[in-house]
Amino acid sequence: MDTALSSSTPGVEATPKKKSFARHLPTAARVFMGLVFFVFGLNGFLEFIPTPKDLNPADPAVAFGIAMKATGFLFWLVKGTETVAGALLLANRFVPLALAIIAPVIVNIFLTHALLAPAGLGLAVILLAAELFLAWSYRAVYRPMLAMRATPS
């Protein structure tokens, strides 16, 4: 006797759940962000993407980048954060932590392009949207962290 999929209503066949394309969106956003931050983070150290030769040091966005490098640590801290967060996102490990540590970098990227270099605003908006979408997708993980009053354990 076959009892694999029986319906409680006579004459009605049991149907499998429909598979939605939307269930893949968090994975796609995570991999996209992971690739962007891992590649551009590594590029800060290895410089495998050539820098344009016609950069004007008087341009505010270029001056900002030069100033970050001139600090001796800030540029490397940001690129290190991008590389580590990108690797975590690609490996699907500690994703909520990676999203939390990359959030200030994304805000900086968005504001830099919104205020200083509007030509790159498209990618900045996409990264910001992906960050917000993934933060919403992992909202249950952040709920304890956002408690108004927390007691140490």
Protein backbone atom coordinates (compact mmCIF):
# COMPACT_ATOMS: atom_id res chain seq x y z
CA MET A 1 0.00 0.00 0.00
CA ASP A 2 1.42 3.35 -1.05
CA THR A 3 1.01 6.01 1.65
CA ALA A 4 3.57 8.51 0.40
CA LEU A 5 1.35 11.51 -0.35
CA SER A 6 -2.22 11.07 0.70
CA SER A 7 -4.76 13.82 0.92
CA SER A 8 -7.21 14.16 3.78
CA THR A 9 -9.94 15.19 1.32
CA PRO A 10 -11.12 12.40 -0.99
CA GLY A 11 -10.68 13.14 -4.67
CA VAL A 12 -8.13 15.94 -4.10
CA GLU A 13 -4.54 15.26 -5.03
CA ALA A 14 -1.79 16.52 -2.75
CA THR A 15 0.33 19.06 -4.62
CA PRO A 16 3.93 19.88 -3.80
CA LYS A 17 4.76 23.42 -2.66
CA LYS A 18 5.50 25.86 -5.44
CA LYS A 19 9.12 26.88 -5.58
CA SER A 20 9.59 30.61 -5.77
CA PHE A 21 12.39 32.47 -7.49
CA ALA A 22 12.39 34.94 -4.58
CA ARG A 23 13.96 32.34 -2.28
CA HIS A 24 17.22 32.77 -4.22
CA LEU A 25 17.36 36.57 -3.86
CA PRO A 26 19.23 36.65 -0.51
CA THR A 27 21.85 34.27 -1.91
CA ALA A 28 22.22 36.33 -5.07
CA ALA A 29 22.56 39.57 -3.08
CA ARG A 30 25.06 37.97 -0.70
CA VAL A 31 27.25 36.58 -3.51
CA PHE A 32 27.07 39.88 -5.43
CA MET A 33 28.16 41.89 -2.40
CA GLY A 34 30.80 39.31 -1.53
CA LEU A 35 32.32 39.48 -5.01
CA VAL A 36 32.31 43.29 -5.11
CA PHE A 37 33.94 43.72 -1.73
CA PHE A 38 36.39 40.83 -2.04
CA VAL A 39 37.62 41.94 -5.48
CA PHE A 40 37.82 45.67 -4.73
CA GLY A 41 39.24 45.02 -1.26
CA LEU A 42 42.03 42.87 -2.71
CA ASN A 43 42.58 45.46 -5.43
CA GLY A 44 43.47 47.96 -2.70
CA PHE A 45 46.40 45.73 -1.74
CA LEU A 46 47.42 44.15 -5.05
CA GLU A 47 46.36 46.86 -7.55
CA PHE A 48 45.42 44.45 -10.35
CA ILE A 49 42.76 46.85 -11.72
CA PRO A 50 44.66 49.72 -13.35
CA THR A 51 44.10 53.20 -11.96
CA PRO A 52 43.00 55.76 -14.56
CA LYS A 53 45.92 57.99 -15.57
CA ASP A 54 43.86 61.17 -15.98
CA LEU A 55 42.88 61.59 -12.31
CA ASN A 56 42.87 65.21 -11.17
CA PRO A 57 44.18 65.63 -7.58
CA ALA A 58 41.99 68.76 -7.28
CA ASP A 59 38.86 66.62 -7.72
CA PRO A 60 37.30 66.22 -4.24
CA ALA A 61 36.79 62.44 -4.59
CA VAL A 62 40.42 61.93 -5.69
CA ALA A 63 41.64 64.20 -2.89
CA PHE A 64 39.60 62.13 -0.44
CA GLY A 65 41.25 58.91 -1.64
CA ILE A 66 44.70 60.49 -1.48
CA ALA A 67 43.99 61.71 2.06
CA MET A 68 42.86 58.22 3.11
CA LYS A 69 46.14 56.75 1.84
CA ALA A 70 48.16 59.58 3.43
CA THR A 71 46.92 58.66 6.91
CA GLY A 72 49.01 55.51 6.70
CA PHE A 73 46.27 53.29 8.11
CA LEU A 74 42.74 54.33 7.10
CA PHE A 75 42.88 53.14 3.49
CA TRP A 76 44.35 49.77 4.55
CA LEU A 77 41.77 49.41 7.32
CA VAL A 78 38.91 50.00 4.87
CA LYS A 79 40.36 47.67 2.23
CA GLY A 80 41.06 45.00 4.86
CA THR A 81 37.48 45.30 6.11
CA GLU A 82 36.17 45.00 2.55
CA THR A 83 38.30 41.92 1.86
CA VAL A 84 37.35 40.11 5.08
CA ALA A 85 33.64 40.96 4.80
CA GLY A 86 33.63 39.94 1.13
CA ALA A 87 35.27 36.61 1.96
CA LEU A 88 32.75 35.96 4.75
CA LEU A 89 29.83 36.77 2.45
CA LEU A 90 31.18 34.51 -0.31
CA ALA A 91 31.83 31.67 2.14
CA ASN A 92 28.35 32.11 3.69
CA ARG A 93 29.94 32.26 7.14
CA PHE A 94 29.12 34.85 9.82
CA VAL A 95 26.94 36.71 7.29
CA PRO A 96 25.16 38.94 9.87
CA LEU A 97 28.56 39.94 11.30
CA ALA A 98 29.92 40.64 7.81
CA LEU A 99 26.88 42.81 7.04
CA ALA A 100 27.36 44.73 10.29
CA ILE A 101 31.06 45.42 9.71
CA ILE A 102 30.62 46.40 6.05
CA ALA A 103 27.67 48.76 6.71
CA PRO A 104 29.80 51.85 7.58
CA VAL A 105 31.91 51.24 4.46
CA ILE A 106 28.76 51.13 2.31
CA VAL A 107 27.47 54.35 3.86
CA ASN A 108 30.83 55.98 3.11
CA ILE A 109 30.80 54.69 -0.49
CA PHE A 110 27.24 55.94 -1.00
CA LEU A 111 27.90 59.40 0.47
CA THR A 112 31.18 59.77 -1.41
CA HIS A 113 29.46 59.08 -4.71
CA ALA A 114 26.35 61.08 -3.85
CA LEU A 115 28.32 64.16 -2.81
CA LEU A 116 31.74 64.01 -4.49
CA ALA A 117 31.67 61.67 -7.50
CA PRO A 118 28.15 61.19 -8.90
CA ALA A 119 29.44 59.13 -11.84
CA GLY A 120 29.69 56.02 -9.65
CA LEU A 121 26.38 56.49 -7.85
CA GLY A 122 24.68 53.56 -9.61
CA LEU A 123 26.82 50.84 -8.04
CA ALA A 124 26.70 52.64 -4.68
CA VAL A 125 22.89 52.60 -4.73
CA ILE A 126 22.83 48.91 -5.69
CA LEU A 127 25.24 48.06 -2.84
CA LEU A 128 23.17 50.08 -0.37
CA ALA A 129 19.97 48.35 -1.54
CA ALA A 130 21.60 44.91 -1.28
CA GLU A 131 22.85 45.72 2.24
CA LEU A 132 19.40 46.86 3.36
CA PHE A 133 17.73 43.84 1.75
CA LEU A 134 20.13 41.40 3.41
CA ALA A 135 19.86 43.19 6.78
CA TRP A 136 16.08 42.80 6.49
CA SER A 137 16.48 39.14 5.51
CA TYR A 138 18.58 38.52 8.63
CA ARG A 139 16.49 40.78 10.88
CA ALA A 140 15.76 38.00 13.38
CA VAL A 141 19.48 37.73 14.11
CA TYR A 142 19.76 41.46 14.81
CA ARG A 143 16.70 41.66 17.06
CA PRO A 144 18.58 40.81 20.32
CA MET A 145 21.33 43.28 19.45
CA LEU A 146 18.76 46.06 19.06
CA ALA A 147 17.11 45.51 22.44
CA MET A 148 16.62 48.78 24.34
CA ARG A 149 17.73 47.24 27.59
CA ALA A 150 20.10 44.33 27.74
CA THR A 151 21.61 42.61 30.74
CA PRO A 152 25.07 41.07 30.64
CA SER A 153 25.15 37.32 30.97
